[in-house]
Amino acid sequence: MNLPAAGAFPWFDMTGFGGGTGVRTRIAAIWSLVLLLALGLAACGVPDQGSAGAELGQADLQASVVNDRKHLFDGSLTYTPYVSMNVGGHLKYDVILTARGAKSSHRTARTARVTRAFRVGGVQGARLSADSQNVRVVSQSEEKQPIGEPGDTAEWQWSVSATEPGDYELAVTVTTFQGDTDRALETLHPPITVHLTVHNTWSHRFTSMQNWLFTAAGIAGALAGIYALRAPLTELLRGRRDARKQRGENLDEDRDGYM
């Protein structure tokens, strides 16, 4: 390593100064300046390796998602758009997702009510939800199921029940996942809408009437109790009023006697 010649940095030349406190102060100031410059260069000129690695990993992940989407193939969903049931009963509702191919034609033709196109490949997931708390949905199958090649199928089934009659809507959401991860390659948009009609029954009407009668009886009992307590309360209030009046009269008599 070649060192700079003497006098190359005149501001660093200590020969013109004597020893002692002055030299030490000048040296300390120069080293402080060098340290500040080094810290500034480290903050501005050295890239953050952690951030660079994170950005690279995110870029690779995005590239893998884009590449996997290119390898998805066509599929079709079969489902029933209108269903009905009685209040208090249970309905089995199912959705079938089929990868299109020669082996899937007979299955689709036999079971299809309504079909809708959807790209598949890898792991498929489906969920059924209701728009009201009066409707309860319970899954009867695995939420995620594999589809590897044309002809493969995935089938989901749910048990649906309702506590009140009326018209409701169910929503079916379907997603194609990247392998075993939760990263979505394809999402059904908009979700499938299923119209559910829940019919009333005589047993439910009778139960509702019983509940109404029990409620009415409770209200009537409360009113009767209040009415029954009215006379004692009236007597109590009258007695207190008479007592206050009597105390007032006695007080007036005492004052007259005093005068």
C-alpha atoms as a PDB file:
ATOM      1  CA  MET A   1       0.000   0.000   0.000  1.00  0.00           C
ATOM      2  CA  ASN A   2       1.540   3.375  -1.060  1.00  0.00           C
ATOM      3  CA  LEU A   3       1.168   6.089   1.564  1.00  0.00           C
ATOM      4  CA  PRO A   4       0.696   9.723   0.466  1.00  0.00           C
ATOM      5  CA  ALA A   5       3.748  11.871   0.513  1.00  0.00           C
ATOM      6  CA  ALA A   6       4.402  14.214   3.349  1.00  0.00           C
ATOM      7  CA  GLY A   7       2.585  17.495   2.869  1.00  0.00           C
ATOM      8  CA  ALA A   8      -0.105  15.957   0.667  1.00  0.00           C
ATOM      9  CA  PHE A   9      -2.676  17.059   3.243  1.00  0.00           C
ATOM     10  CA  PRO A  10      -1.514  20.423   4.585  1.00  0.00           C
ATOM     11  CA  TRP A  11      -4.503  20.669   6.918  1.00  0.00           C
ATOM     12  CA  PHE A  12      -3.358  17.456   8.573  1.00  0.00           C
ATOM     13  CA  ASP A  13       0.298  18.535   9.033  1.00  0.00           C
ATOM     14  CA  MET A  14       1.162  18.692  12.709  1.00  0.00           C
ATOM     15  CA  THR A  15       4.712  19.962  12.238  1.00  0.00           C
ATOM     16  CA  GLY A  16       3.759  23.557  12.666  1.00  0.00           C
ATOM     17  CA  PHE A  17       2.314  22.943  16.078  1.00  0.00           C
ATOM     18  CA  GLY A  18       4.032  22.203  19.239  1.00  0.00           C
ATOM     19  CA  GLY A  19       3.226  19.342  21.509  1.00  0.00           C
ATOM     20  CA  GLY A  20       0.788  19.488  24.331  1.00  0.00           C
ATOM     21  CA  THR A  21      -2.929  20.220  24.562  1.00  0.00           C
ATOM     22  CA  GLY A  22      -3.225  22.018  21.196  1.00  0.00           C
ATOM     23  CA  VAL A  23      -2.003  19.037  19.177  1.00  0.00           C
ATOM     24  CA  ARG A  24      -4.242  16.600  21.027  1.00  0.00           C
ATOM     25  CA  THR A  25      -7.291  18.842  20.502  1.00  0.00           C
ATOM     26  CA  ARG A  26      -6.554  19.137  16.760  1.00  0.00           C
ATOM     27  CA  ILE A  27      -6.142  15.363  16.428  1.00  0.00           C
ATOM     28  CA  ALA A  28      -9.391  14.693  18.322  1.00  0.00           C
ATOM     29  CA  ALA A  29     -11.281  17.125  16.089  1.00  0.00           C
ATOM     30  CA  ILE A  30      -9.920  15.503  12.901  1.00  0.00           C
ATOM     31  CA  TRP A  31     -10.822  12.002  14.052  1.00  0.00           C
ATOM     32  CA  SER A  32     -14.316  13.182  14.965  1.00  0.00           C
ATOM     33  CA  LEU A  33     -14.716  14.586  11.449  1.00  0.00           C
ATOM     34  CA  VAL A  34     -13.484  11.319   9.904  1.00  0.00           C
ATOM     35  CA  LEU A  35     -15.914   9.330  12.046  1.00  0.00           C
ATOM     36  CA  LEU A  36     -18.863  11.518  11.028  1.00  0.00           C
ATOM     37  CA  LEU A  37     -17.935  11.155   7.339  1.00  0.00           C
ATOM     38  CA  ALA A  38     -17.729   7.367   7.698  1.00  0.00           C
ATOM     39  CA  LEU A  39     -21.124   7.203   9.376  1.00  0.00           C
ATOM     40  CA  GLY A  40     -22.652   9.374   6.660  1.00  0.00           C
ATOM     41  CA  LEU A  41     -21.239   7.199   3.892  1.00  0.00           C
ATOM     42  CA  ALA A  42     -22.499   4.058   5.647  1.00  0.00           C
ATOM     43  CA  ALA A  43     -26.019   5.491   5.945  1.00  0.00           C
ATOM     44  CA  CYS A  44     -26.248   6.783   2.369  1.00  0.00           C
ATOM     45  CA  GLY A  45     -24.046   4.548   0.271  1.00  0.00           C
ATOM     46  CA  VAL A  46     -24.476   1.050   1.720  1.00  0.00           C
ATOM     47  CA  PRO A  47     -27.695  -0.715   0.609  1.00  0.00           C
ATOM     48  CA  ASP A  48     -29.913  -2.435   3.163  1.00  0.00           C
ATOM     49  CA  GLN A  49     -29.305  -6.125   2.540  1.00  0.00           C
ATOM     50  CA  GLY A  50     -32.444  -7.150   4.455  1.00  0.00           C
ATOM     51  CA  SER A  51     -34.718  -4.876   2.384  1.00  0.00           C
ATOM     52  CA  ALA A  52     -33.066  -5.965  -0.847  1.00  0.00           C
ATOM     53  CA  GLY A  53     -33.547  -9.626   0.076  1.00  0.00           C
ATOM     54  CA  ALA A  54     -37.195  -9.038   0.987  1.00  0.00           C
ATOM     55  CA  GLU A  55     -37.869  -7.258  -2.299  1.00  0.00           C
ATOM     56  CA  LEU A  56     -36.171 -10.066  -4.216  1.00  0.00           C
ATOM     57  CA  GLY A  57     -38.199 -12.708  -2.376  1.00  0.00           C
ATOM     58  CA  GLN A  58     -41.436 -10.827  -3.061  1.00  0.00           C
ATOM     59  CA  ALA A  59     -40.546 -10.529  -6.737  1.00  0.00           C
ATOM     60  CA  ASP A  60     -39.843 -14.286  -6.955  1.00  0.00           C
ATOM     61  CA  LEU A  61     -43.138 -15.035  -5.205  1.00  0.00           C
ATOM     62  CA  GLN A  62     -45.088 -12.820  -7.578  1.00  0.00           C
ATOM     63  CA  ALA A  63     -43.358 -14.395 -10.562  1.00  0.00           C
ATOM     64  CA  SER A  64     -44.295 -17.879  -9.330  1.00  0.00           C
ATOM     65  CA  VAL A  65     -47.943 -16.846  -8.944  1.00  0.00           C
ATOM     66  CA  VAL A  66     -48.021 -15.423 -12.474  1.00  0.00           C
ATOM     67  CA  ASN A  67     -46.387 -18.566 -13.860  1.00  0.00           C
ATOM     68  CA  ASP A  68     -48.812 -20.901 -12.059  1.00  0.00           C
ATOM     69  CA  ARG A  69     -51.786 -18.921 -13.361  1.00  0.00           C
ATOM     70  CA  LYS A  70     -50.624 -19.602 -16.900  1.00  0.00           C
ATOM     71  CA  HIS A  71     -50.924 -23.345 -16.261  1.00  0.00           C
ATOM     72  CA  LEU A  72     -54.519 -23.305 -14.997  1.00  0.00           C
ATOM     73  CA  PHE A  73     -57.094 -25.041 -17.185  1.00  0.00           C
ATOM     74  CA  ASP A  74     -60.808 -24.599 -17.735  1.00  0.00           C
ATOM     75  CA  GLY A  75     -63.342 -25.959 -15.301  1.00  0.00           C
ATOM     76  CA  SER A  76     -67.081 -25.678 -14.720  1.00  0.00           C
ATOM     77  CA  LEU A  77     -69.159 -25.300 -11.572  1.00  0.00           C
ATOM     78  CA  THR A  78     -72.531 -27.017 -11.309  1.00  0.00           C
ATOM     79  CA  TYR A  79     -75.035 -25.809  -8.732  1.00  0.00           C
ATOM     80  CA  THR A  80     -78.749 -25.208  -8.070  1.00  0.00           C
ATOM     81  CA  PRO A  81     -79.683 -21.499  -8.032  1.00  0.00           C
ATOM     82  CA  TYR A  82     -83.120 -21.902  -6.360  1.00  0.00           C
ATOM     83  CA  VAL A  83     -83.819 -24.141  -3.372  1.00  0.00           C
ATOM     84  CA  SER A  84     -86.606 -24.387  -0.800  1.00  0.00           C
ATOM     85  CA  MET A  85     -87.250 -26.096   2.516  1.00  0.00           C
ATOM     86  CA  ASN A  86     -89.588 -26.054   5.513  1.00  0.00           C
ATOM     87  CA  VAL A  87     -88.749 -24.084   8.609  1.00  0.00           C
ATOM     88  CA  GLY A  88     -87.122 -26.319  11.204  1.00  0.00           C
ATOM     89  CA  GLY A  89     -85.948 -28.814   8.572  1.00  0.00           C
ATOM     90  CA  HIS A  90     -82.548 -29.480   6.980  1.00  0.00           C
ATOM     91  CA  LEU A  91     -81.457 -29.093   3.366  1.00  0.00           C
ATOM     92  CA  LYS A  92     -78.424 -30.781   1.796  1.00  0.00           C
ATOM     93  CA  TYR A  93     -76.835 -28.397  -0.695  1.00  0.00           C
ATOM     94  CA  ASP A  94     -73.894 -29.359  -2.906  1.00  0.00           C
ATOM     95  CA  VAL A  95     -71.624 -27.752  -5.508  1.00  0.00           C
ATOM     96  CA  ILE A  96     -69.476 -29.716  -7.979  1.00  0.00           C
ATOM     97  CA  LEU A  97     -66.368 -28.316  -9.668  1.00  0.00           C
ATOM     98  CA  THR A  98     -65.150 -30.313 -12.670  1.00  0.00           C
ATOM     99  CA  ALA A  99     -61.978 -29.875 -14.714  1.00  0.00           C
ATOM    100  CA  ARG A 100     -63.123 -30.029 -18.314  1.00  0.00           C
ATOM    101  CA  GLY A 101     -62.009 -33.060 -20.269  1.00  0.00           C
ATOM    102  CA  ALA A 102     -63.217 -36.189 -22.007  1.00  0.00           C
ATOM    103  CA  LYS A 103     -63.614 -38.079 -18.732  1.00  0.00           C
ATOM    104  CA  SER A 104     -65.863 -35.419 -17.170  1.00  0.00           C
ATOM    105  CA  SER A 105     -68.605 -35.088 -19.805  1.00  0.00           C
ATOM    106  CA  HIS A 106     -70.935 -37.787 -18.470  1.00  0.00           C
ATOM    107  CA  ARG A 107     -70.650 -36.602 -14.846  1.00  0.00           C
ATOM    108  CA  THR A 108     -71.410 -32.990 -15.753  1.00  0.00           C
ATOM    109  CA  ALA A 109     -74.387 -33.853 -17.973  1.00  0.00           C
ATOM    110  CA  ARG A 110     -75.941 -36.026 -15.288  1.00  0.00           C
ATOM    111  CA  THR A 111     -75.693 -33.645 -12.345  1.00  0.00           C
ATOM    112  CA  ALA A 112     -75.698 -30.132 -13.787  1.00  0.00           C
ATOM    113  CA  ARG A 113     -78.500 -27.683 -12.989  1.00  0.00           C
ATOM    114  CA  VAL A 114     -76.621 -24.491 -13.883  1.00  0.00           C
ATOM    115  CA  THR A 115     -72.975 -24.315 -14.961  1.00  0.00           C
ATOM    116  CA  ARG A 116     -70.456 -21.533 -14.655  1.00  0.00           C
ATOM    117  CA  ALA A 117     -66.909 -21.408 -16.024  1.00  0.00           C
ATOM    118  CA  PHE A 118     -63.980 -21.226 -13.620  1.00  0.00           C
ATOM    119  CA  ARG A 119     -60.241 -21.824 -14.038  1.00  0.00           C
ATOM    120  CA  VAL A 120     -58.869 -24.669 -11.923  1.00  0.00           C
ATOM    121  CA  GLY A 121     -55.677 -26.539 -11.153  1.00  0.00           C
ATOM    122  CA  GLY A 122     -54.016 -27.448  -7.890  1.00  0.00           C
ATOM    123  CA  VAL A 123     -56.055 -27.026  -4.701  1.00  0.00           C
ATOM    124  CA  GLN A 124     -59.662 -25.815  -4.785  1.00  0.00           C
ATOM    125  CA  GLY A 125     -61.627 -24.290  -1.908  1.00  0.00           C
ATOM    126  CA  ALA A 126     -65.330 -23.452  -1.530  1.00  0.00           C
ATOM    127  CA  ARG A 127     -67.469 -21.818   1.167  1.00  0.00           C
ATOM    128  CA  LEU A 128     -71.209 -21.295   1.631  1.00  0.00           C
ATOM    129  CA  SER A 129     -72.544 -18.397   3.729  1.00  0.00           C
ATOM    130  CA  ALA A 130     -75.988 -16.945   4.512  1.00  0.00           C
ATOM    131  CA  ASP A 131     -77.196 -13.342   4.661  1.00  0.00           C
ATOM    132  CA  SER A 132     -79.255 -13.837   7.845  1.00  0.00           C
ATOM    133  CA  GLN A 133     -78.745 -15.165  11.363  1.00  0.00           C
ATOM    134  CA  ASN A 134     -81.969 -17.140  10.927  1.00  0.00           C
ATOM    135  CA  VAL A 135     -80.139 -19.458   8.514  1.00  0.00           C
ATOM    136  CA  ARG A 136     -77.427 -21.843   9.741  1.00  0.00           C
ATOM    137  CA  VAL A 137     -74.870 -23.443   7.390  1.00  0.00           C
ATOM    138  CA  VAL A 138     -72.706 -26.397   8.459  1.00  0.00           C
ATOM    139  CA  SER A 139     -70.025 -27.863   6.178  1.00  0.00           C
ATOM    140  CA  GLN A 140     -70.217 -31.597   5.506  1.00  0.00           C
ATOM    141  CA  SER A 141     -66.991 -31.941   3.472  1.00  0.00           C
ATOM    142  CA  GLU A 142     -63.377 -30.783   3.319  1.00  0.00           C
ATOM    143  CA  GLU A 143     -63.054 -27.105   2.445  1.00  0.00           C
ATOM    144  CA  LYS A 144     -59.938 -27.647   0.251  1.00  0.00           C
ATOM    145  CA  GLN A 145     -59.796 -30.402  -2.367  1.00  0.00           C
ATOM    146  CA  PRO A 146     -57.250 -31.158  -5.136  1.00  0.00           C
ATOM    147  CA  ILE A 147     -57.763 -31.061  -8.902  1.00  0.00           C
ATOM    148  CA  GLY A 148     -54.696 -32.170 -10.861  1.00  0.00           C
ATOM    149  CA  GLU A 149     -55.844 -32.857 -14.417  1.00  0.00           C
ATOM    150  CA  PRO A 150     -58.817 -32.630 -16.774  1.00  0.00           C
ATOM    151  CA  GLY A 151     -61.574 -34.971 -15.660  1.00  0.00           C
ATOM    152  CA  ASP A 152     -60.929 -34.513 -11.920  1.00  0.00           C
ATOM    153  CA  THR A 153     -63.787 -33.246  -9.760  1.00  0.00           C
ATOM    154  CA  ALA A 154     -64.176 -31.610  -6.372  1.00  0.00           C
ATOM    155  CA  GLU A 155     -67.505 -31.737  -4.549  1.00  0.00           C
ATOM    156  CA  TRP A 156     -68.632 -29.772  -1.493  1.00  0.00           C
ATOM    157  CA  GLN A 157     -71.765 -30.313   0.562  1.00  0.00           C
ATOM    158  CA  TRP A 158     -73.398 -28.265   3.322  1.00  0.00           C
ATOM    159  CA  SER A 159     -76.336 -28.751   5.667  1.00  0.00           C
ATOM    160  CA  VAL A 160     -78.678 -25.738   5.689  1.00  0.00           C
ATOM    161  CA  SER A 161     -81.368 -25.064   8.314  1.00  0.00           C
ATOM    162  CA  ALA A 162     -83.586 -22.085   9.166  1.00  0.00           C
ATOM    163  CA  THR A 163     -85.428 -20.998  12.300  1.00  0.00           C
ATOM    164  CA  GLU A 164     -87.848 -18.550  10.654  1.00  0.00           C
ATOM    165  CA  PRO A 165     -89.788 -18.645   7.356  1.00  0.00           C
ATOM    166  CA  GLY A 166     -88.921 -16.179   4.603  1.00  0.00           C
ATOM    167  CA  ASP A 167     -86.740 -15.567   1.567  1.00  0.00           C
ATOM    168  CA  TYR A 168     -82.960 -15.609   2.009  1.00  0.00           C
ATOM    169  CA  GLU A 169     -79.802 -15.566  -0.094  1.00  0.00           C
ATOM    170  CA  LEU A 170     -76.818 -17.895   0.133  1.00  0.00           C
ATOM    171  CA  ALA A 171     -73.418 -17.058  -1.356  1.00  0.00           C
ATOM    172  CA  VAL A 172     -70.940 -19.632  -2.720  1.00  0.00           C
ATOM    173  CA  THR A 173     -67.317 -18.498  -3.009  1.00  0.00           C
ATOM    174  CA  VAL A 174     -64.769 -20.652  -4.869  1.00  0.00           C
ATOM    175  CA  THR A 175     -60.984 -20.173  -4.910  1.00  0.00           C
ATOM    176  CA  THR A 176     -58.071 -21.850  -6.712  1.00  0.00           C
ATOM    177  CA  PHE A 177     -55.082 -21.855  -4.340  1.00  0.00           C
ATOM    178  CA  GLN A 178     -51.374 -22.085  -5.112  1.00  0.00           C
ATOM    179  CA  GLY A 179     -50.563 -25.531  -3.753  1.00  0.00           C
ATOM    180  CA  ASP A 180     -51.072 -25.890  -0.004  1.00  0.00           C
ATOM    181  CA  THR A 181     -50.728 -22.140   0.614  1.00  0.00           C
ATOM    182  CA  ASP A 182     -53.455 -19.538   1.109  1.00  0.00           C
ATOM    183  CA  ARG A 183     -52.337 -17.570  -1.974  1.00  0.00           C
ATOM    184  CA  ALA A 184     -55.200 -17.320  -4.453  1.00  0.00           C
ATOM    185  CA  LEU A 185     -54.493 -17.963  -8.131  1.00  0.00           C
ATOM    186  CA  GLU A 186     -58.131 -17.509  -9.172  1.00  0.00           C
ATOM    187  CA  THR A 187     -61.229 -16.322  -7.293  1.00  0.00           C
ATOM    188  CA  LEU A 188     -64.809 -16.646  -8.513  1.00  0.00           C
ATOM    189  CA  HIS A 189     -66.182 -13.134  -9.026  1.00  0.00           C
ATOM    190  CA  PRO A 190     -68.922 -12.376  -8.347  1.00  0.00           C
ATOM    191  CA  PRO A 191     -69.776 -15.235  -5.978  1.00  0.00           C
ATOM    192  CA  ILE A 192     -72.649 -17.578  -6.833  1.00  0.00           C
ATOM    193  CA  THR A 193     -75.990 -16.392  -5.412  1.00  0.00           C
ATOM    194  CA  VAL A 194     -78.436 -19.084  -4.302  1.00  0.00           C
ATOM    195  CA  HIS A 195     -82.035 -18.076  -3.508  1.00  0.00           C
ATOM    196  CA  LEU A 196     -83.456 -19.932  -0.511  1.00  0.00           C
ATOM    197  CA  THR A 197     -87.186 -19.984   0.298  1.00  0.00           C
ATOM    198  CA  VAL A 198     -88.174 -21.242   3.752  1.00  0.00           C
ATOM    199  CA  HIS A 199     -91.847 -22.242   4.069  1.00  0.00           C
ATOM    200  CA  ASN A 200     -93.818 -21.957   7.277  1.00  0.00           C
ATOM    201  CA  THR A 201     -95.381 -25.061   8.890  1.00  0.00           C
ATOM    202  CA  TRP A 202     -98.345 -25.628  11.192  1.00  0.00           C
ATOM    203  CA  SER A 203     -96.060 -26.857  13.944  1.00  0.00           C
ATOM    204  CA  HIS A 204     -94.008 -23.677  13.695  1.00  0.00           C
ATOM    205  CA  ARG A 205     -97.181 -21.584  13.681  1.00  0.00           C
ATOM    206  CA  PHE A 206     -98.415 -23.412  16.785  1.00  0.00           C
ATOM    207  CA  THR A 207     -95.077 -22.932  18.521  1.00  0.00           C
ATOM    208  CA  SER A 208     -95.043 -19.254  17.592  1.00  0.00           C
ATOM    209  CA  MET A 209     -98.612 -18.898  18.862  1.00  0.00           C
ATOM    210  CA  GLN A 210     -97.670 -20.607  22.107  1.00  0.00           C
ATOM    211  CA  ASN A 211     -94.754 -18.247  22.564  1.00  0.00           C
ATOM    212  CA  TRP A 212     -97.051 -15.295  21.852  1.00  0.00           C
ATOM    213  CA  LEU A 213     -99.630 -16.577  24.344  1.00  0.00           C
ATOM    214  CA  PHE A 214     -96.951 -17.071  26.993  1.00  0.00           C
ATOM    215  CA  THR A 215     -95.707 -13.547  26.412  1.00  0.00           C
ATOM    216  CA  ALA A 216     -99.243 -12.115  26.515  1.00  0.00           C
ATOM    217  CA  ALA A 217     -99.995 -14.094  29.686  1.00  0.00           C
ATOM    218  CA  GLY A 218     -96.862 -12.725  31.292  1.00  0.00           C
ATOM    219  CA  ILE A 219     -97.822  -9.164  30.415  1.00  0.00           C
ATOM    220  CA  ALA A 220    -101.390  -9.720  31.652  1.00  0.00           C
ATOM    221  CA  GLY A 221    -100.090 -11.195  34.900  1.00  0.00           C
ATOM    222  CA  ALA A 222     -97.833  -8.220  35.436  1.00  0.00           C
ATOM    223  CA  LEU A 223    -100.718  -5.800  34.810  1.00  0.00           C
ATOM    224  CA  ALA A 224    -102.971  -7.773  37.161  1.00  0.00           C
ATOM    225  CA  GLY A 225    -100.328  -7.647  39.853  1.00  0.00           C
ATOM    226  CA  ILE A 226     -99.990  -3.894  39.456  1.00  0.00           C
ATOM    227  CA  TYR A 227    -103.779  -3.524  39.616  1.00  0.00           C
ATOM    228  CA  ALA A 228    -103.960  -5.699  42.719  1.00  0.00           C
ATOM    229  CA  LEU A 229    -101.358  -3.544  44.432  1.00  0.00           C
ATOM    230  CA  ARG A 230    -103.165  -0.340  43.510  1.00  0.00           C
ATOM    231  CA  ALA A 231    -105.588  -0.412  46.495  1.00  0.00           C
ATOM    232  CA  PRO A 232    -102.888  -1.015  49.169  1.00  0.00           C
ATOM    233  CA  LEU A 233    -100.703   1.645  47.603  1.00  0.00           C
ATOM    234  CA  THR A 234    -103.614   4.086  47.549  1.00  0.00           C
ATOM    235  CA  GLU A 235    -104.373   3.404  51.220  1.00  0.00           C
ATOM    236  CA  LEU A 236    -100.716   3.823  52.119  1.00  0.00           C
ATOM    237  CA  LEU A 237    -100.481   7.147  50.326  1.00  0.00           C
ATOM    238  CA  ARG A 238    -103.745   8.343  51.885  1.00  0.00           C
ATOM    239  CA  GLY A 239    -102.524   7.361  55.335  1.00  0.00           C
ATOM    240  CA  ARG A 240     -99.250   9.255  54.853  1.00  0.00           C
ATOM    241  CA  ARG A 241    -101.152  12.320  53.612  1.00  0.00           C
ATOM    242  CA  ASP A 242    -103.509  12.218  56.627  1.00  0.00           C
ATOM    243  CA  ALA A 243    -100.562  11.821  58.972  1.00  0.00           C
ATOM    244  CA  ARG A 244     -98.810  14.865  57.509  1.00  0.00           C
ATOM    245  CA  LYS A 245    -102.080  16.835  57.794  1.00  0.00           C
ATOM    246  CA  GLN A 246    -102.525  15.786  61.429  1.00  0.00           C
ATOM    247  CA  ARG A 247     -98.953  16.775  62.276  1.00  0.00           C
ATOM    248  CA  GLY A 248     -99.569  20.159  60.669  1.00  0.00           C
ATOM    249  CA  GLU A 249    -102.740  20.710  62.739  1.00  0.00           C
ATOM    250  CA  ASN A 250    -100.971  19.721  65.950  1.00  0.00           C
ATOM    251  CA  LEU A 251     -98.155  22.133  65.157  1.00  0.00           C
ATOM    252  CA  ASP A 252    -100.660  24.977  64.648  1.00  0.00           C
ATOM    253  CA  GLU A 253    -102.365  24.206  67.992  1.00  0.00           C
ATOM    254  CA  ASP A 254     -98.996  24.249  69.766  1.00  0.00           C
ATOM    255  CA  ARG A 255     -98.219  27.625  68.287  1.00  0.00           C
ATOM    256  CA  ASP A 256    -101.616  29.048  69.337  1.00  0.00           C
ATOM    257  CA  GLY A 257    -101.115  27.812  72.905  1.00  0.00           C
ATOM    258  CA  TYR A 258     -97.677  29.331  73.006  1.00  0.00           C
ATOM    259  CA  MET A 259     -99.007  32.668  71.888  1.00  0.00           C
END
